[in-house]
Amino acid sequence: MKSRTFLLLLVAGGVFTQSLLAQTSAEIDITFKKFVLHNGLTLIVHEDHKAPIVAVNVWYHVGSKSEKPGKTGFAHLFEHLMFGGSEHA
């Protein structure tokens, strides 16, 4: 009985894994619009009206990789200043 249950679980797991692999190998096509403002800010907009939800992602192409020797730690400091909040704002 135990070997039959084990075999059934093994086959079911294999079928499930195959279906996941088939889904991930399919090409994903997400439509979007790209805008570059006069100040250099790039916007990528994807509209999906299936649910009344708004999501905003902000990426900065700066950080510790942009720091010069002798002037390190500023990216980490600015991270805390931007996202740490303030008693005055």
PDB file of N, CA and C in Angstrom:
ATOM      1  N   MET A   1       0.820  -1.197   0.000  1.00  0.00           N
ATOM      2  CA  MET A   1       0.000   0.000   0.000  1.00  0.00           C
ATOM      3  C   MET A   1       0.861   1.256   0.000  1.00  0.00           C
ATOM      4  N   LYS A   2       1.933   1.243   0.830  1.00  0.00           N
ATOM      5  CA  LYS A   2       2.799   2.409   0.897  1.00  0.00           C
ATOM      6  C   LYS A   2       3.510   2.653  -0.429  1.00  0.00           C
ATOM      7  N   SER A   3       3.937   1.568  -1.084  1.00  0.00           N
ATOM      8  CA  SER A   3       4.650   1.737  -2.355  1.00  0.00           C
ATOM      9  C   SER A   3       3.709   2.262  -3.438  1.00  0.00           C
ATOM     10  N   ARG A   4       2.444   1.864  -3.393  1.00  0.00           N
ATOM     11  CA  ARG A   4       1.463   2.354  -4.367  1.00  0.00           C
ATOM     12  C   ARG A   4       1.222   3.851  -4.155  1.00  0.00           C
ATOM     13  N   THR A   5       1.105   4.287  -2.915  1.00  0.00           N
ATOM     14  CA  THR A   5       0.910   5.710  -2.607  1.00  0.00           C
ATOM     15  C   THR A   5       2.134   6.510  -3.026  1.00  0.00           C
ATOM     16  N   PHE A   6       3.321   5.968  -2.744  1.00  0.00           N
ATOM     17  CA  PHE A   6       4.552   6.652  -3.126  1.00  0.00           C
ATOM     18  C   PHE A   6       4.642   6.796  -4.641  1.00  0.00           C
ATOM     19  N   LEU A   7       4.311   5.730  -5.369  1.00  0.00           N
ATOM     20  CA  LEU A   7       4.354   5.771  -6.828  1.00  0.00           C
ATOM     21  C   LEU A   7       3.352   6.783  -7.373  1.00  0.00           C
ATOM     22  N   LEU A   8       2.167   6.823  -6.796  1.00  0.00           N
ATOM     23  CA  LEU A   8       1.145   7.777  -7.227  1.00  0.00           C
ATOM     24  C   LEU A   8       1.613   9.213  -6.991  1.00  0.00           C
ATOM     25  N   LEU A   9       2.201   9.478  -5.835  1.00  0.00           N
ATOM     26  CA  LEU A   9       2.724  10.815  -5.546  1.00  0.00           C
ATOM     27  C   LEU A   9       3.873  11.181  -6.476  1.00  0.00           C
ATOM     28  N   LEU A  10       4.716  10.222  -6.788  1.00  0.00           N
ATOM     29  CA  LEU A  10       5.835  10.465  -7.687  1.00  0.00           C
ATOM     30  C   LEU A  10       5.347  10.828  -9.091  1.00  0.00           C
ATOM     31  N   VAL A  11       4.374  10.097  -9.599  1.00  0.00           N
ATOM     32  CA  VAL A  11       3.818  10.386 -10.923  1.00  0.00           C
ATOM     33  C   VAL A  11       3.116  11.740 -10.927  1.00  0.00           C
ATOM     34  N   ALA A  12       2.324  12.015  -9.891  1.00  0.00           N
ATOM     35  CA  ALA A  12       1.622  13.300  -9.811  1.00  0.00           C
ATOM     36  C   ALA A  12       2.618  14.453  -9.740  1.00  0.00           C
ATOM     37  N   GLY A  13       3.681  14.287  -8.987  1.00  0.00           N
ATOM     38  CA  GLY A  13       4.708  15.324  -8.892  1.00  0.00           C
ATOM     39  C   GLY A  13       5.393  15.555 -10.224  1.00  0.00           C
ATOM     40  N   GLY A  14       5.650  14.497 -10.964  1.00  0.00           N
ATOM     41  CA  GLY A  14       6.265  14.628 -12.287  1.00  0.00           C
ATOM     42  C   GLY A  14       5.370  15.361 -13.261  1.00  0.00           C
ATOM     43  N   VAL A  15       4.084  15.052 -13.244  1.00  0.00           N
ATOM     44  CA  VAL A  15       3.124  15.740 -14.120  1.00  0.00           C
ATOM     45  C   VAL A  15       3.041  17.210 -13.750  1.00  0.00           C
ATOM     46  N   PHE A  16       2.999  17.509 -12.458  1.00  0.00           N
ATOM     47  CA  PHE A  16       2.923  18.897 -11.994  1.00  0.00           C
ATOM     48  C   PHE A  16       4.172  19.668 -12.409  1.00  0.00           C
ATOM     49  N   THR A  17       5.334  19.045 -12.258  1.00  0.00           N
ATOM     50  CA  THR A  17       6.590  19.697 -12.633  1.00  0.00           C
ATOM     51  C   THR A  17       6.632  19.965 -14.129  1.00  0.00           C
ATOM     52  N   GLN A  18       6.179  19.029 -14.925  1.00  0.00           N
ATOM     53  CA  GLN A  18       6.156  19.221 -16.374  1.00  0.00           C
ATOM     54  C   GLN A  18       5.246  20.380 -16.763  1.00  0.00           C
ATOM     55  N   SER A  19       4.103  20.506 -16.100  1.00  0.00           N
ATOM     56  CA  SER A  19       3.192  21.604 -16.430  1.00  0.00           C
ATOM     57  C   SER A  19       3.804  22.947 -16.051  1.00  0.00           C
ATOM     58  N   LEU A  20       4.542  23.006 -14.937  1.00  0.00           N
ATOM     59  CA  LEU A  20       5.218  24.249 -14.552  1.00  0.00           C
ATOM     60  C   LEU A  20       6.303  24.617 -15.549  1.00  0.00           C
ATOM     61  N   LEU A  21       7.068  23.634 -15.990  1.00  0.00           N
ATOM     62  CA  LEU A  21       8.118  23.908 -16.967  1.00  0.00           C
ATOM     63  C   LEU A  21       7.534  24.392 -18.282  1.00  0.00           C
ATOM     64  N   ALA A  22       6.416  23.841 -18.688  1.00  0.00           N
ATOM     65  CA  ALA A  22       5.779  24.276 -19.928  1.00  0.00           C
ATOM     66  C   ALA A  22       5.302  25.715 -19.815  1.00  0.00           C
ATOM     67  N   GLN A  23       4.813  26.110 -18.651  1.00  0.00           N
ATOM     68  CA  GLN A  23       4.336  27.478 -18.462  1.00  0.00           C
ATOM     69  C   GLN A  23       5.487  28.470 -18.452  1.00  0.00           C
ATOM     70  N   THR A  24       6.601  28.131 -17.840  1.00  0.00           N
ATOM     71  CA  THR A  24       7.709  29.074 -17.742  1.00  0.00           C
ATOM     72  C   THR A  24       8.468  29.198 -19.052  1.00  0.00           C
ATOM     73  N   SER A  25       8.428  28.177 -19.890  1.00  0.00           N
ATOM     74  CA  SER A  25       9.153  28.258 -21.149  1.00  0.00           C
ATOM     75  C   SER A  25       8.372  29.024 -22.211  1.00  0.00           C
ATOM     76  N   ALA A  26       7.083  29.262 -21.983  1.00  0.00           N
ATOM     77  CA  ALA A  26       6.292  30.033 -22.937  1.00  0.00           C
ATOM     78  C   ALA A  26       6.729  31.491 -22.895  1.00  0.00           C
ATOM     79  N   GLU A  27       6.716  32.131 -24.041  1.00  0.00           N
ATOM     80  CA  GLU A  27       7.116  33.534 -24.125  1.00  0.00           C
ATOM     81  C   GLU A  27       6.038  34.410 -23.497  1.00  0.00           C
ATOM     82  N   ILE A  28       6.459  35.347 -22.673  1.00  0.00           N
ATOM     83  CA  ILE A  28       5.533  36.260 -22.016  1.00  0.00           C
ATOM     84  C   ILE A  28       5.548  37.572 -22.776  1.00  0.00           C
ATOM     85  N   ASP A  29       4.378  38.041 -23.171  1.00  0.00           N
ATOM     86  CA  ASP A  29       4.269  39.285 -23.924  1.00  0.00           C
ATOM     87  C   ASP A  29       3.470  40.284 -23.097  1.00  0.00           C
ATOM     88  N   ILE A  30       4.151  41.274 -22.535  1.00  0.00           N
ATOM     89  CA  ILE A  30       3.503  42.307 -21.738  1.00  0.00           C
ATOM     90  C   ILE A  30       3.597  43.612 -22.506  1.00  0.00           C
ATOM     91  N   THR A  31       2.453  44.182 -22.837  1.00  0.00           N
ATOM     92  CA  THR A  31       2.455  45.443 -23.577  1.00  0.00           C
ATOM     93  C   THR A  31       2.752  46.597 -22.629  1.00  0.00           C
ATOM     94  N   PHE A  32       3.531  47.548 -23.107  1.00  0.00           N
ATOM     95  CA  PHE A  32       3.869  48.713 -22.295  1.00  0.00           C
ATOM     96  C   PHE A  32       4.160  49.892 -23.211  1.00  0.00           C
ATOM     97  N   LYS A  33       4.127  51.074 -22.624  1.00  0.00           N
ATOM     98  CA  LYS A  33       4.501  52.304 -23.322  1.00  0.00           C
ATOM     99  C   LYS A  33       5.696  52.896 -22.593  1.00  0.00           C
ATOM    100  N   LYS A  34       6.659  53.382 -23.353  1.00  0.00           N
ATOM    101  CA  LYS A  34       7.865  53.966 -22.769  1.00  0.00           C
ATOM    102  C   LYS A  34       7.923  55.443 -23.135  1.00  0.00           C
ATOM    103  N   PHE A  35       8.139  56.276 -22.128  1.00  0.00           N
ATOM    104  CA  PHE A  35       8.247  57.714 -22.316  1.00  0.00           C
ATOM    105  C   PHE A  35       9.569  58.174 -21.714  1.00  0.00           C
ATOM    106  N   VAL A  36      10.237  59.098 -22.380  1.00  0.00           N
ATOM    107  CA  VAL A  36      11.424  59.740 -21.820  1.00  0.00           C
ATOM    108  C   VAL A  36      11.125  61.228 -21.749  1.00  0.00           C
ATOM    109  N   LEU A  37      11.091  61.768 -20.532  1.00  0.00           N
ATOM    110  CA  LEU A  37      10.776  63.178 -20.336  1.00  0.00           C
ATOM    111  C   LEU A  37      11.987  64.047 -20.659  1.00  0.00           C
ATOM    112  N   HIS A  38      11.757  65.349 -20.769  1.00  0.00           N
ATOM    113  CA  HIS A  38      12.826  66.293 -21.110  1.00  0.00           C
ATOM    114  C   HIS A  38      13.954  66.287 -20.083  1.00  0.00           C
ATOM    115  N   ASN A  39      13.638  65.971 -18.840  1.00  0.00           N
ATOM    116  CA  ASN A  39      14.676  65.955 -17.801  1.00  0.00           C
ATOM    117  C   ASN A  39      15.426  64.618 -17.738  1.00  0.00           C
ATOM    118  N   GLY A  40      15.124  63.697 -18.660  1.00  0.00           N
ATOM    119  CA  GLY A  40      15.820  62.418 -18.710  1.00  0.00           C
ATOM    120  C   GLY A  40      15.124  61.294 -17.970  1.00  0.00           C
ATOM    121  N   LEU A  41      14.055  61.601 -17.244  1.00  0.00           N
ATOM    122  CA  LEU A  41      13.319  60.577 -16.513  1.00  0.00           C
ATOM    123  C   LEU A  41      12.631  59.641 -17.505  1.00  0.00           C
ATOM    124  N   THR A  42      12.837  58.353 -17.337  1.00  0.00           N
ATOM    125  CA  THR A  42      12.215  57.354 -18.199  1.00  0.00           C
ATOM    126  C   THR A  42      11.025  56.746 -17.478  1.00  0.00           C
ATOM    127  N   LEU A  43       9.885  56.730 -18.141  1.00  0.00           N
ATOM    128  CA  LEU A  43       8.667  56.126 -17.595  1.00  0.00           C
ATOM    129  C   LEU A  43       8.299  54.920 -18.442  1.00  0.00           C
ATOM    130  N   ILE A  44       7.980  53.827 -17.793  1.00  0.00           N
ATOM    131  CA  ILE A  44       7.463  52.648 -18.476  1.00  0.00           C
ATOM    132  C   ILE A  44       6.104  52.368 -17.862  1.00  0.00           C
ATOM    133  N   VAL A  45       5.064  52.391 -18.695  1.00  0.00           N
ATOM    134  CA  VAL A  45       3.687  52.281 -18.208  1.00  0.00           C
ATOM    135  C   VAL A  45       3.045  51.030 -18.800  1.00  0.00           C
ATOM    136  N   HIS A  46       2.474  50.227 -17.923  1.00  0.00           N
ATOM    137  CA  HIS A  46       1.696  49.054 -18.333  1.00  0.00           C
ATOM    138  C   HIS A  46       0.327  49.167 -17.684  1.00  0.00           C
ATOM    139  N   GLU A  47      -0.708  49.184 -18.479  1.00  0.00           N
ATOM    140  CA  GLU A  47      -2.072  49.280 -17.941  1.00  0.00           C
ATOM    141  C   GLU A  47      -2.729  47.909 -17.971  1.00  0.00           C
ATOM    142  N   ASP A  48      -3.338  47.552 -16.854  1.00  0.00           N
ATOM    143  CA  ASP A  48      -4.075  46.297 -16.730  1.00  0.00           C
ATOM    144  C   ASP A  48      -5.292  46.594 -15.869  1.00  0.00           C
ATOM    145  N   HIS A  49      -6.461  46.591 -16.456  1.00  0.00           N
ATOM    146  CA  HIS A  49      -7.680  47.002 -15.762  1.00  0.00           C
ATOM    147  C   HIS A  49      -8.457  45.820 -15.175  1.00  0.00           C
ATOM    148  N   LYS A  50      -7.793  44.695 -14.934  1.00  0.00           N
ATOM    149  CA  LYS A  50      -8.469  43.523 -14.370  1.00  0.00           C
ATOM    150  C   LYS A  50      -8.856  43.729 -12.914  1.00  0.00           C
ATOM    151  N   ALA A  51      -8.102  44.551 -12.199  1.00  0.00           N
ATOM    152  CA  ALA A  51      -8.384  44.804 -10.784  1.00  0.00           C
ATOM    153  C   ALA A  51      -8.133  46.284 -10.491  1.00  0.00           C
ATOM    154  N   PRO A  52      -8.874  46.855  -9.538  1.00  0.00           N
ATOM    155  CA  PRO A  52      -8.699  48.281  -9.210  1.00  0.00           C
ATOM    156  C   PRO A  52      -7.480  48.514  -8.304  1.00  0.00           C
ATOM    157  N   ILE A  53      -6.303  48.241  -8.842  1.00  0.00           N
ATOM    158  CA  ILE A  53      -5.066  48.326  -8.070  1.00  0.00           C
ATOM    159  C   ILE A  53      -4.061  49.172  -8.844  1.00  0.00           C
ATOM    160  N   VAL A  54      -3.285  49.946  -8.114  1.00  0.00           N
ATOM    161  CA  VAL A  54      -2.199  50.715  -8.716  1.00  0.00           C
ATOM    162  C   VAL A  54      -0.896  50.276  -8.064  1.00  0.00           C
ATOM    163  N   ALA A  55       0.106  50.022  -8.872  1.00  0.00           N
ATOM    164  CA  ALA A  55       1.435  49.682  -8.357  1.00  0.00           C
ATOM    165  C   ALA A  55       2.444  50.637  -8.976  1.00  0.00           C
ATOM    166  N   VAL A  56       3.326  51.156  -8.155  1.00  0.00           N
ATOM    167  CA  VAL A  56       4.352  52.088  -8.625  1.00  0.00           C
ATOM    168  C   VAL A  56       5.712  51.564  -8.181  1.00  0.00           C
ATOM    169  N   ASN A  57       6.625  51.438  -9.113  1.00  0.00           N
ATOM    170  CA  ASN A  57       8.003  51.047  -8.816  1.00  0.00           C
ATOM    171  C   ASN A  57       8.913  52.195  -9.207  1.00  0.00           C
ATOM    172  N   VAL A  58       9.843  52.540  -8.346  1.00  0.00           N
ATOM    173  CA  VAL A  58      10.803  53.603  -8.627  1.00  0.00           C
ATOM    174  C   VAL A  58      12.198  52.996  -8.551  1.00  0.00           C
ATOM    175  N   TRP A  59      12.939  53.116  -9.623  1.00  0.00           N
ATOM    176  CA  TRP A  59      14.302  52.604  -9.672  1.00  0.00           C
ATOM    177  C   TRP A  59      15.245  53.762  -9.917  1.00  0.00           C
ATOM    178  N   TYR A  60      16.295  53.829  -9.151  1.00  0.00           N
ATOM    179  CA  TYR A  60      17.339  54.830  -9.330  1.00  0.00           C
ATOM    180  C   TYR A  60      18.590  54.111  -9.841  1.00  0.00           C
ATOM    181  N   HIS A  61      19.141  54.580 -10.926  1.00  0.00           N
ATOM    182  CA  HIS A  61      20.346  53.957 -11.479  1.00  0.00           C
ATOM    183  C   HIS A  61      21.592  54.579 -10.849  1.00  0.00           C
ATOM    184  N   VAL A  62      21.623  54.564  -9.541  1.00  0.00           N
ATOM    185  CA  VAL A  62      22.761  55.057  -8.768  1.00  0.00           C
ATOM    186  C   VAL A  62      22.915  54.149  -7.557  1.00  0.00           C
ATOM    187  N   GLY A  63      24.003  54.284  -6.890  1.00  0.00           N
ATOM    188  CA  GLY A  63      24.208  53.495  -5.686  1.00  0.00           C
ATOM    189  C   GLY A  63      25.677  53.367  -5.386  1.00  0.00           C
ATOM    190  N   SER A  64      26.008  52.376  -4.591  1.00  0.00           N
ATOM    191  CA  SER A  64      27.399  52.211  -4.175  1.00  0.00           C
ATOM    192  C   SER A  64      28.306  51.920  -5.367  1.00  0.00           C
ATOM    193  N   LYS A  65      27.752  51.366  -6.443  1.00  0.00           N
ATOM    194  CA  LYS A  65      28.569  51.105  -7.638  1.00  0.00           C
ATOM    195  C   LYS A  65      29.055  52.393  -8.285  1.00  0.00           C
ATOM    196  N   SER A  66      28.376  53.514  -8.017  1.00  0.00           N
ATOM    197  CA  SER A  66      28.744  54.801  -8.609  1.00  0.00           C
ATOM    198  C   SER A  66      29.667  55.620  -7.714  1.00  0.00           C
ATOM    199  N   GLU A  67      29.950  55.137  -6.513  1.00  0.00           N
ATOM    200  CA  GLU A  67      30.779  55.908  -5.581  1.00  0.00           C
ATOM    201  C   GLU A  67      32.256  55.817  -5.947  1.00  0.00           C
ATOM    202  N   LYS A  68      32.970  56.878  -5.626  1.00  0.00           N
ATOM    203  CA  LYS A  68      34.399  56.949  -5.913  1.00  0.00           C
ATOM    204  C   LYS A  68      35.182  56.580  -4.654  1.00  0.00           C
ATOM    205  N   PRO A  69      36.376  56.039  -4.820  1.00  0.00           N
ATOM    206  CA  PRO A  69      37.206  55.715  -3.649  1.00  0.00           C
ATOM    207  C   PRO A  69      37.436  56.957  -2.790  1.00  0.00           C
ATOM    208  N   GLY A  70      37.299  56.783  -1.496  1.00  0.00           N
ATOM    209  CA  GLY A  70      37.467  57.892  -0.568  1.00  0.00           C
ATOM    210  C   GLY A  70      36.179  58.630  -0.272  1.00  0.00           C
ATOM    211  N   LYS A  71      35.156  58.397  -1.074  1.00  0.00           N
ATOM    212  CA  LYS A  71      33.852  59.036  -0.858  1.00  0.00           C
ATOM    213  C   LYS A  71      32.772  57.953  -0.902  1.00  0.00           C
ATOM    214  N   THR A  72      32.861  57.027   0.017  1.00  0.00           N
ATOM    215  CA  THR A  72      31.903  55.923   0.037  1.00  0.00           C
ATOM    216  C   THR A  72      30.916  56.105   1.176  1.00  0.00           C
ATOM    217  N   GLY A  73      29.783  55.444   1.056  1.00  0.00           N
ATOM    218  CA  GLY A  73      28.766  55.493   2.103  1.00  0.00           C
ATOM    219  C   GLY A  73      27.640  56.463   1.821  1.00  0.00           C
ATOM    220  N   PHE A  74      27.799  57.309   0.805  1.00  0.00           N
ATOM    221  CA  PHE A  74      26.761  58.298   0.519  1.00  0.00           C
ATOM    222  C   PHE A  74      25.470  57.642   0.021  1.00  0.00           C
ATOM    223  N   ALA A  75      25.576  56.598  -0.783  1.00  0.00           N
ATOM    224  CA  ALA A  75      24.377  55.922  -1.280  1.00  0.00           C
ATOM    225  C   ALA A  75      23.559  55.373  -0.118  1.00  0.00           C
ATOM    226  N   HIS A  76      24.237  54.797   0.848  1.00  0.00           N
ATOM    227  CA  HIS A  76      23.543  54.245   2.012  1.00  0.00           C
ATOM    228  C   HIS A  76      22.917  55.361   2.848  1.00  0.00           C
ATOM    229  N   LEU A  77      23.640  56.466   3.000  1.00  0.00           N
ATOM    230  CA  LEU A  77      23.109  57.614   3.735  1.00  0.00           C
ATOM    231  C   LEU A  77      21.856  58.156   3.056  1.00  0.00           C
ATOM    232  N   PHE A  78      21.916  58.349   1.739  1.00  0.00           N
ATOM    233  CA  PHE A  78      20.765  58.891   1.016  1.00  0.00           C
ATOM    234  C   PHE A  78      19.577  57.936   1.050  1.00  0.00           C
ATOM    235  N   GLU A  79      19.856  56.636   1.071  1.00  0.00           N
ATOM    236  CA  GLU A  79      18.776  55.654   1.212  1.00  0.00           C
ATOM    237  C   GLU A  79      18.017  55.893   2.512  1.00  0.00           C
ATOM    238  N   HIS A  80      18.745  56.088   3.595  1.00  0.00           N
ATOM    239  CA  HIS A  80      18.097  56.336   4.883  1.00  0.00           C
ATOM    240  C   HIS A  80      17.366  57.675   4.885  1.00  0.00           C
ATOM    241  N   LEU A  81      17.947  58.678   4.252  1.00  0.00           N
ATOM    242  CA  LEU A  81      17.293  59.983   4.210  1.00  0.00           C
ATOM    243  C   LEU A  81      16.001  59.935   3.404  1.00  0.00           C
ATOM    244  N   MET A  82      15.998  59.187   2.298  1.00  0.00           N
ATOM    245  CA  MET A  82      14.821  59.140   1.430  1.00  0.00           C
ATOM    246  C   MET A  82      13.703  58.282   2.004  1.00  0.00           C
ATOM    247  N   PHE A  83      14.044  57.155   2.590  1.00  0.00           N
ATOM    248  CA  PHE A  83      13.025  56.191   2.988  1.00  0.00           C
ATOM    249  C   PHE A  83      12.851  56.069   4.494  1.00  0.00           C
ATOM    250  N   GLY A  84      13.673  56.753   5.266  1.00  0.00           N
ATOM    251  CA  GLY A  84      13.591  56.647   6.711  1.00  0.00           C
ATOM    252  C   GLY A  84      12.528  57.533   7.335  1.00  0.00           C
ATOM    253  N   GLY A  85      12.049  58.508   6.598  1.00  0.00           N
ATOM    254  CA  GLY A  85      11.054  59.412   7.159  1.00  0.00           C
ATOM    255  C   GLY A  85      11.708  60.514   7.968  1.00  0.00           C
ATOM    256  N   SER A  86      10.892  61.421   8.443  1.00  0.00           N
ATOM    257  CA  SER A  86      11.394  62.557   9.199  1.00  0.00           C
ATOM    258  C   SER A  86      10.306  63.037  10.145  1.00  0.00           C
ATOM    259  N   GLU A  87      10.713  63.625  11.239  1.00  0.00           N
ATOM    260  CA  GLU A  87       9.741  64.216  12.161  1.00  0.00           C
ATOM    261  C   GLU A  87       9.192  65.523  11.615  1.00  0.00           C
ATOM    262  N   HIS A  88       9.862  66.101  10.626  1.00  0.00           N
ATOM    263  CA  HIS A  88       9.496  67.415  10.110  1.00  0.00           C
ATOM    264  C   HIS A  88       8.742  67.365   8.786  1.00  0.00           C
ATOM    265  N   ALA A  89       8.523  66.186   8.233  1.00  0.00           N
ATOM    266  CA  ALA A  89       7.824  66.116   6.944  1.00  0.00           C
ATOM    267  C   ALA A  89       6.674  65.139   7.023  1.00  0.00           C
TER     268      ALA A  89
END
